[in-house]
Amino acid sequence: MNKEVLLSNIDKVHTTEMGIDRIKKNLKLDINDVVEYCKKKVLDKNSNIYKQGKNWYCEIDNIKITINSYSYTIITAHKLKR
């Protein structure tokens, strides 16, 4: 599926309170706005964005962000094991 769909709806991307905690823990982030952090990663020209099933995936800088394609909720983000 065309990643432009996700990019054109970037303003809809959000997460839950539990999602914020999960993303901070998984990526070892010490920042307040994890949604903005994830949006910047998605918008980066070097990001690899693809859709599988009901989710969008964004891989960049050795991390993978999972976003629900219907609600635009960031489900999780984690470091890739290489």
PDB file of N, CA and C in Angstrom:
ATOM      1  N   MET A   1       0.847  -1.186   0.000  1.00  0.00           N
ATOM      2  CA  MET A   1       0.000   0.000   0.000  1.00  0.00           C
ATOM      3  C   MET A   1       0.883   1.238   0.000  1.00  0.00           C
ATOM      4  N   ASN A   2       0.411   2.289  -0.571  1.00  0.00           N
ATOM      5  CA  ASN A   2       1.169   3.514  -0.744  1.00  0.00           C
ATOM      6  C   ASN A   2       1.378   4.235   0.588  1.00  0.00           C
ATOM      7  N   LYS A   3       2.643   4.461   0.927  1.00  0.00           N
ATOM      8  CA  LYS A   3       2.957   5.114   2.206  1.00  0.00           C
ATOM      9  C   LYS A   3       2.455   6.554   2.268  1.00  0.00           C
ATOM     10  N   GLU A   4       2.082   7.118   1.121  1.00  0.00           N
ATOM     11  CA  GLU A   4       1.549   8.486   1.103  1.00  0.00           C
ATOM     12  C   GLU A   4       0.260   8.596   1.922  1.00  0.00           C
ATOM     13  N   VAL A   5      -0.473   7.486   2.040  1.00  0.00           N
ATOM     14  CA  VAL A   5      -1.691   7.487   2.847  1.00  0.00           C
ATOM     15  C   VAL A   5      -1.337   7.817   4.298  1.00  0.00           C
ATOM     16  N   LEU A   6      -0.322   7.164   4.829  1.00  0.00           N
ATOM     17  CA  LEU A   6       0.111   7.438   6.194  1.00  0.00           C
ATOM     18  C   LEU A   6       0.670   8.851   6.308  1.00  0.00           C
ATOM     19  N   LEU A   7       1.512   9.235   5.370  1.00  0.00           N
ATOM     20  CA  LEU A   7       2.147  10.553   5.428  1.00  0.00           C
ATOM     21  C   LEU A   7       1.129  11.683   5.340  1.00  0.00           C
ATOM     22  N   SER A   8       0.090  11.496   4.538  1.00  0.00           N
ATOM     23  CA  SER A   8      -0.917  12.548   4.395  1.00  0.00           C
ATOM     24  C   SER A   8      -1.842  12.638   5.610  1.00  0.00           C
ATOM     25  N   ASN A   9      -1.807  11.621   6.460  1.00  0.00           N
ATOM     26  CA  ASN A   9      -2.624  11.612   7.676  1.00  0.00           C
ATOM     27  C   ASN A   9      -1.771  11.701   8.941  1.00  0.00           C
ATOM     28  N   ILE A  10      -0.550  12.200   8.810  1.00  0.00           N
ATOM     29  CA  ILE A  10       0.377  12.246   9.938  1.00  0.00           C
ATOM     30  C   ILE A  10      -0.187  13.047  11.112  1.00  0.00           C
ATOM     31  N   ASP A  11      -1.043  14.016  10.820  1.00  0.00           N
ATOM     32  CA  ASP A  11      -1.635  14.827  11.896  1.00  0.00           C
ATOM     33  C   ASP A  11      -2.611  14.020  12.759  1.00  0.00           C
ATOM     34  N   LYS A  12      -3.052  12.865  12.286  1.00  0.00           N
ATOM     35  CA  LYS A  12      -3.972  12.014  13.043  1.00  0.00           C
ATOM     36  C   LYS A  12      -3.239  11.035  13.962  1.00  0.00           C
ATOM     37  N   VAL A  13      -1.937  10.906  13.796  1.00  0.00           N
ATOM     38  CA  VAL A  13      -1.156   9.940  14.570  1.00  0.00           C
ATOM     39  C   VAL A  13      -1.141  10.362  16.041  1.00  0.00           C
ATOM     40  N   HIS A  14      -1.439   9.400  16.913  1.00  0.00           N
ATOM     41  CA  HIS A  14      -1.496   9.636  18.360  1.00  0.00           C
ATOM     42  C   HIS A  14      -1.216   8.314  19.067  1.00  0.00           C
ATOM     43  N   THR A  15      -1.204   8.333  20.385  1.00  0.00           N
ATOM     44  CA  THR A  15      -1.093   7.095  21.145  1.00  0.00           C
ATOM     45  C   THR A  15      -1.844   7.241  22.460  1.00  0.00           C
ATOM     46  N   THR A  16      -1.869   6.174  23.223  1.00  0.00           N
ATOM     47  CA  THR A  16      -2.547   6.162  24.509  1.00  0.00           C
ATOM     48  C   THR A  16      -1.538   6.427  25.626  1.00  0.00           C
ATOM     49  N   GLU A  17      -2.026   6.611  26.841  1.00  0.00           N
ATOM     50  CA  GLU A  17      -1.122   6.770  27.993  1.00  0.00           C
ATOM     51  C   GLU A  17      -0.225   5.544  28.140  1.00  0.00           C
ATOM     52  N   MET A  18      -0.831   4.361  27.994  1.00  0.00           N
ATOM     53  CA  MET A  18      -0.037   3.128  28.074  1.00  0.00           C
ATOM     54  C   MET A  18       0.968   3.064  26.932  1.00  0.00           C
ATOM     55  N   GLY A  19       0.573   3.551  25.766  1.00  0.00           N
ATOM     56  CA  GLY A  19       1.474   3.568  24.620  1.00  0.00           C
ATOM     57  C   GLY A  19       2.677   4.453  24.872  1.00  0.00           C
ATOM     58  N   ILE A  20       2.455   5.602  25.484  1.00  0.00           N
ATOM     59  CA  ILE A  20       3.560   6.520  25.803  1.00  0.00           C
ATOM     60  C   ILE A  20       4.573   5.812  26.699  1.00  0.00           C
ATOM     61  N   ASP A  21       4.074   5.181  27.757  1.00  0.00           N
ATOM     62  CA  ASP A  21       4.966   4.475  28.684  1.00  0.00           C
ATOM     63  C   ASP A  21       5.712   3.339  27.995  1.00  0.00           C
ATOM     64  N   ARG A  22       4.998   2.581  27.156  1.00  0.00           N
ATOM     65  CA  ARG A  22       5.607   1.441  26.455  1.00  0.00           C
ATOM     66  C   ARG A  22       6.707   1.909  25.503  1.00  0.00           C
ATOM     67  N   ILE A  23       6.441   2.970  24.749  1.00  0.00           N
ATOM     68  CA  ILE A  23       7.419   3.481  23.781  1.00  0.00           C
ATOM     69  C   ILE A  23       8.655   4.026  24.507  1.00  0.00           C
ATOM     70  N   LYS A  24       8.426   4.793  25.587  1.00  0.00           N
ATOM     71  CA  LYS A  24       9.552   5.323  26.370  1.00  0.00           C
ATOM     72  C   LYS A  24      10.429   4.198  26.904  1.00  0.00           C
ATOM     73  N   LYS A  25       9.786   3.157  27.430  1.00  0.00           N
ATOM     74  CA  LYS A  25      10.523   2.028  28.006  1.00  0.00           C
ATOM     75  C   LYS A  25      11.275   1.263  26.918  1.00  0.00           C
ATOM     76  N   ASN A  26      10.594   0.944  25.827  1.00  0.00           N
ATOM     77  CA  ASN A  26      11.208   0.139  24.765  1.00  0.00           C
ATOM     78  C   ASN A  26      12.378   0.836  24.084  1.00  0.00           C
ATOM     79  N   LEU A  27      12.257   2.160  23.900  1.00  0.00           N
ATOM     80  CA  LEU A  27      13.312   2.901  23.191  1.00  0.00           C
ATOM     81  C   LEU A  27      14.263   3.610  24.149  1.00  0.00           C
ATOM     82  N   LYS A  28      14.003   3.457  25.461  1.00  0.00           N
ATOM     83  CA  LYS A  28      14.820   4.114  26.482  1.00  0.00           C
ATOM     84  C   LYS A  28      14.889   5.626  26.242  1.00  0.00           C
ATOM     85  N   LEU A  29      13.712   6.225  26.055  1.00  0.00           N
ATOM     86  CA  LEU A  29      13.613   7.655  25.778  1.00  0.00           C
ATOM     87  C   LEU A  29      13.373   8.433  27.063  1.00  0.00           C
ATOM     88  N   ASP A  30      13.995   9.592  27.151  1.00  0.00           N
ATOM     89  CA  ASP A  30      13.776  10.487  28.282  1.00  0.00           C
ATOM     90  C   ASP A  30      13.228  11.813  27.743  1.00  0.00           C
ATOM     91  N   ILE A  31      12.102  11.708  27.030  1.00  0.00           N
ATOM     92  CA  ILE A  31      11.460  12.889  26.451  1.00  0.00           C
ATOM     93  C   ILE A  31       9.980  12.844  26.798  1.00  0.00           C
ATOM     94  N   ASN A  32       9.325  13.989  26.724  1.00  0.00           N
ATOM     95  CA  ASN A  32       7.905  14.051  27.061  1.00  0.00           C
ATOM     96  C   ASN A  32       7.003  13.716  25.892  1.00  0.00           C
ATOM     97  N   ASP A  33       7.319  14.209  24.693  1.00  0.00           N
ATOM     98  CA  ASP A  33       6.414  14.057  23.548  1.00  0.00           C
ATOM     99  C   ASP A  33       6.866  12.920  22.625  1.00  0.00           C
ATOM    100  N   VAL A  34       6.502  11.695  23.002  1.00  0.00           N
ATOM    101  CA  VAL A  34       6.905  10.552  22.185  1.00  0.00           C
ATOM    102  C   VAL A  34       6.155  10.508  20.860  1.00  0.00           C
ATOM    103  N   VAL A  35       4.945  11.068  20.822  1.00  0.00           N
ATOM    104  CA  VAL A  35       4.191  11.100  19.560  1.00  0.00           C
ATOM    105  C   VAL A  35       4.941  11.953  18.541  1.00  0.00           C
ATOM    106  N   GLU A  36       5.403  13.116  18.957  1.00  0.00           N
ATOM    107  CA  GLU A  36       6.160  13.990  18.051  1.00  0.00           C
ATOM    108  C   GLU A  36       7.457  13.312  17.616  1.00  0.00           C
ATOM    109  N   TYR A  37       8.109  12.626  18.532  1.00  0.00           N
ATOM    110  CA  TYR A  37       9.330  11.873  18.233  1.00  0.00           C
ATOM    111  C   TYR A  37       9.048  10.848  17.126  1.00  0.00           C
ATOM    112  N   CYS A  38       7.968  10.079  17.293  1.00  0.00           N
ATOM    113  CA  CYS A  38       7.609   9.052  16.308  1.00  0.00           C
ATOM    114  C   CYS A  38       7.213   9.670  14.963  1.00  0.00           C
ATOM    115  N   LYS A  39       6.468  10.772  15.001  1.00  0.00           N
ATOM    116  CA  LYS A  39       6.075  11.446  13.755  1.00  0.00           C
ATOM    117  C   LYS A  39       7.302  11.891  12.970  1.00  0.00           C
ATOM    118  N   LYS A  40       8.302  12.427  13.673  1.00  0.00           N
ATOM    119  CA  LYS A  40       9.533  12.862  12.989  1.00  0.00           C
ATOM    120  C   LYS A  40      10.232  11.685  12.335  1.00  0.00           C
ATOM    121  N   LYS A  41      10.232  10.548  13.005  1.00  0.00           N
ATOM    122  CA  LYS A  41      10.842   9.340  12.433  1.00  0.00           C
ATOM    123  C   LYS A  41      10.082   8.903  11.178  1.00  0.00           C
ATOM    124  N   VAL A  42       8.757   8.934  11.238  1.00  0.00           N
ATOM    125  CA  VAL A  42       7.931   8.535  10.094  1.00  0.00           C
ATOM    126  C   VAL A  42       8.174   9.479   8.915  1.00  0.00           C
ATOM    127  N   LEU A  43       8.280  10.767   9.200  1.00  0.00           N
ATOM    128  CA  LEU A  43       8.439  11.760   8.133  1.00  0.00           C
ATOM    129  C   LEU A  43       9.860  11.823   7.561  1.00  0.00           C
ATOM    130  N   ASP A  44      10.809  11.211   8.234  1.00  0.00           N
ATOM    131  CA  ASP A  44      12.196  11.214   7.755  1.00  0.00           C
ATOM    132  C   ASP A  44      12.258  10.550   6.378  1.00  0.00           C
ATOM    133  N   LYS A  45      12.962  11.174   5.442  1.00  0.00           N
ATOM    134  CA  LYS A  45      13.024  10.648   4.073  1.00  0.00           C
ATOM    135  C   LYS A  45      13.710   9.286   3.996  1.00  0.00           C
ATOM    136  N   ASN A  46      14.471   8.916   5.028  1.00  0.00           N
ATOM    137  CA  ASN A  46      15.167   7.629   5.037  1.00  0.00           C
ATOM    138  C   ASN A  46      14.357   6.505   5.668  1.00  0.00           C
ATOM    139  N   SER A  47      13.145   6.817   6.123  1.00  0.00           N
ATOM    140  CA  SER A  47      12.348   5.778   6.789  1.00  0.00           C
ATOM    141  C   SER A  47      11.765   4.805   5.767  1.00  0.00           C
ATOM    142  N   ASN A  48      11.730   3.551   6.168  1.00  0.00           N
ATOM    143  CA  ASN A  48      11.141   2.492   5.351  1.00  0.00           C
ATOM    144  C   ASN A  48       9.731   2.245   5.881  1.00  0.00           C
ATOM    145  N   ILE A  49       8.728   2.685   5.139  1.00  0.00           N
ATOM    146  CA  ILE A  49       7.336   2.573   5.566  1.00  0.00           C
ATOM    147  C   ILE A  49       6.635   1.530   4.707  1.00  0.00           C
ATOM    148  N   TYR A  50       5.945   0.614   5.381  1.00  0.00           N
ATOM    149  CA  TYR A  50       5.187  -0.398   4.651  1.00  0.00           C
ATOM    150  C   TYR A  50       3.978  -0.820   5.485  1.00  0.00           C
ATOM    151  N   LYS A  51       3.011  -1.404   4.810  1.00  0.00           N
ATOM    152  CA  LYS A  51       1.789  -1.845   5.478  1.00  0.00           C
ATOM    153  C   LYS A  51       1.693  -3.357   5.407  1.00  0.00           C
ATOM    154  N   GLN A  52       1.353  -3.963   6.542  1.00  0.00           N
ATOM    155  CA  GLN A  52       1.083  -5.398   6.599  1.00  0.00           C
ATOM    156  C   GLN A  52      -0.189  -5.564   7.401  1.00  0.00           C
ATOM    157  N   GLY A  53      -1.191  -6.162   6.806  1.00  0.00           N
ATOM    158  CA  GLY A  53      -2.457  -6.355   7.506  1.00  0.00           C
ATOM    159  C   GLY A  53      -3.067  -5.023   7.901  1.00  0.00           C
ATOM    160  N   LYS A  54      -3.388  -4.883   9.190  1.00  0.00           N
ATOM    161  CA  LYS A  54      -4.055  -3.670   9.656  1.00  0.00           C
ATOM    162  C   LYS A  54      -3.081  -2.609  10.165  1.00  0.00           C
ATOM    163  N   ASN A  55      -1.794  -2.843  10.056  1.00  0.00           N
ATOM    164  CA  ASN A  55      -0.822  -1.909  10.613  1.00  0.00           C
ATOM    165  C   ASN A  55       0.148  -1.354   9.593  1.00  0.00           C
ATOM    166  N   TRP A  56       0.578  -0.117   9.868  1.00  0.00           N
ATOM    167  CA  TRP A  56       1.695   0.491   9.174  1.00  0.00           C
ATOM    168  C   TRP A  56       2.938   0.227  10.015  1.00  0.00           C
ATOM    169  N   TYR A  57       4.067   0.047   9.351  1.00  0.00           N
ATOM    170  CA  TYR A  57       5.346  -0.120  10.036  1.00  0.00           C
ATOM    171  C   TYR A  57       6.325   0.890   9.471  1.00  0.00           C
ATOM    172  N   CYS A  58       7.098   1.470  10.350  1.00  0.00           N
ATOM    173  CA  CYS A  58       8.128   2.418   9.964  1.00  0.00           C
ATOM    174  C   CYS A  58       9.428   1.962  10.594  1.00  0.00           C
ATOM    175  N   GLU A  59      10.425   1.697   9.748  1.00  0.00           N
ATOM    176  CA  GLU A  59      11.735   1.281  10.248  1.00  0.00           C
ATOM    177  C   GLU A  59      12.756   2.346   9.885  1.00  0.00           C
ATOM    178  N   ILE A  60      13.461   2.823  10.907  1.00  0.00           N
ATOM    179  CA  ILE A  60      14.505   3.832  10.718  1.00  0.00           C
ATOM    180  C   ILE A  60      15.383   3.872  11.969  1.00  0.00           C
ATOM    181  N   ASP A  61      16.656   4.161  11.779  1.00  0.00           N
ATOM    182  CA  ASP A  61      17.593   4.310  12.900  1.00  0.00           C
ATOM    183  C   ASP A  61      17.532   3.131  13.866  1.00  0.00           C
ATOM    184  N   ASN A  62      17.392   1.933  13.323  1.00  0.00           N
ATOM    185  CA  ASN A  62      17.384   0.699  14.100  1.00  0.00           C
ATOM    186  C   ASN A  62      16.180   0.585  15.045  1.00  0.00           C
ATOM    187  N   ILE A  63      15.082   1.281  14.710  1.00  0.00           N
ATOM    188  CA  ILE A  63      13.847   1.125  15.477  1.00  0.00           C
ATOM    189  C   ILE A  63      12.693   0.822  14.521  1.00  0.00           C
ATOM    190  N   LYS A  64      11.640   0.221  15.071  1.00  0.00           N
ATOM    191  CA  LYS A  64      10.446  -0.106  14.296  1.00  0.00           C
ATOM    192  C   LYS A  64       9.238   0.429  15.045  1.00  0.00           C
ATOM    193  N   ILE A  65       8.452   1.256  14.364  1.00  0.00           N
ATOM    194  CA  ILE A  65       7.253   1.859  14.932  1.00  0.00           C
ATOM    195  C   ILE A  65       6.040   1.195  14.288  1.00  0.00           C
ATOM    196  N   THR A  66       5.084   0.783  15.106  1.00  0.00           N
ATOM    197  CA  THR A  66       3.868   0.142  14.623  1.00  0.00           C
ATOM    198  C   THR A  66       2.690   1.085  14.829  1.00  0.00           C
ATOM    199  N   ILE A  67       1.958   1.376  13.748  1.00  0.00           N
ATOM    200  CA  ILE A  67       0.830   2.304  13.789  1.00  0.00           C
ATOM    201  C   ILE A  67      -0.396   1.616  13.182  1.00  0.00           C
ATOM    202  N   ASN A  68      -1.512   1.638  13.909  1.00  0.00           N
ATOM    203  CA  ASN A  68      -2.751   1.063  13.392  1.00  0.00           C
ATOM    204  C   ASN A  68      -3.211   1.883  12.188  1.00  0.00           C
ATOM    205  N   SER A  69      -3.544   1.204  11.105  1.00  0.00           N
ATOM    206  CA  SER A  69      -3.867   1.908   9.857  1.00  0.00           C
ATOM    207  C   SER A  69      -5.261   2.523   9.840  1.00  0.00           C
ATOM    208  N   TYR A  70      -6.126   2.142  10.766  1.00  0.00           N
ATOM    209  CA  TYR A  70      -7.482   2.694  10.799  1.00  0.00           C
ATOM    210  C   TYR A  70      -7.586   3.872  11.759  1.00  0.00           C
ATOM    211  N   SER A  71      -7.021   3.718  12.952  1.00  0.00           N
ATOM    212  CA  SER A  71      -7.148   4.756  13.980  1.00  0.00           C
ATOM    213  C   SER A  71      -5.931   5.679  14.047  1.00  0.00           C
ATOM    214  N   TYR A  72      -4.842   5.294  13.371  1.00  0.00           N
ATOM    215  CA  TYR A  72      -3.574   6.046  13.414  1.00  0.00           C
ATOM    216  C   TYR A  72      -3.007   6.115  14.835  1.00  0.00           C
ATOM    217  N   THR A  73      -3.273   5.084  15.622  1.00  0.00           N
ATOM    218  CA  THR A  73      -2.717   4.987  16.971  1.00  0.00           C
ATOM    219  C   THR A  73      -1.360   4.293  16.902  1.00  0.00           C
ATOM    220  N   ILE A  74      -0.356   4.909  17.528  1.00  0.00           N
ATOM    221  CA  ILE A  74       0.942   4.249  17.638  1.00  0.00           C
ATOM    222  C   ILE A  74       0.774   3.144  18.670  1.00  0.00           C
ATOM    223  N   ILE A  75       0.914   1.909  18.242  1.00  0.00           N
ATOM    224  CA  ILE A  75       0.721   0.773  19.122  1.00  0.00           C
ATOM    225  C   ILE A  75       1.973   0.538  19.947  1.00  0.00           C
ATOM    226  N   THR A  76       3.117   0.511  19.281  1.00  0.00           N
ATOM    227  CA  THR A  76       4.374   0.302  19.977  1.00  0.00           C
ATOM    228  C   THR A  76       5.522   0.752  19.100  1.00  0.00           C
ATOM    229  N   ALA A  77       6.674   0.831  19.703  1.00  0.00           N
ATOM    230  CA  ALA A  77       7.926   1.083  18.992  1.00  0.00           C
ATOM    231  C   ALA A  77       8.997   0.326  19.755  1.00  0.00           C
ATOM    232  N   HIS A  78       9.905  -0.306  19.034  1.00  0.00           N
ATOM    233  CA  HIS A  78      10.968  -1.039  19.710  1.00  0.00           C
ATOM    234  C   HIS A  78      12.232  -1.042  18.870  1.00  0.00           C
ATOM    235  N   LYS A  79      13.328  -1.339  19.526  1.00  0.00           N
ATOM    236  CA  LYS A  79      14.612  -1.435  18.831  1.00  0.00           C
ATOM    237  C   LYS A  79      14.648  -2.717  18.038  1.00  0.00           C
ATOM    238  N   LEU A  80      15.217  -2.640  16.853  1.00  0.00           N
ATOM    239  CA  LEU A  80      15.356  -3.825  16.016  1.00  0.00           C
ATOM    240  C   LEU A  80      16.580  -4.616  16.458  1.00  0.00           C
ATOM    241  N   LYS A  81      16.437  -5.920  16.484  1.00  0.00           N
ATOM    242  CA  LYS A  81      17.569  -6.781  16.817  1.00  0.00           C
ATOM    243  C   LYS A  81      18.289  -7.114  15.512  1.00  0.00           C
ATOM    244  N   ARG A  82      19.527  -6.760  15.451  1.00  0.00           N
ATOM    245  CA  ARG A  82      20.302  -7.007  14.218  1.00  0.00           C
ATOM    246  C   ARG A  82      21.426  -7.976  14.490  1.00  0.00           C
TER     247      ARG A  82
END
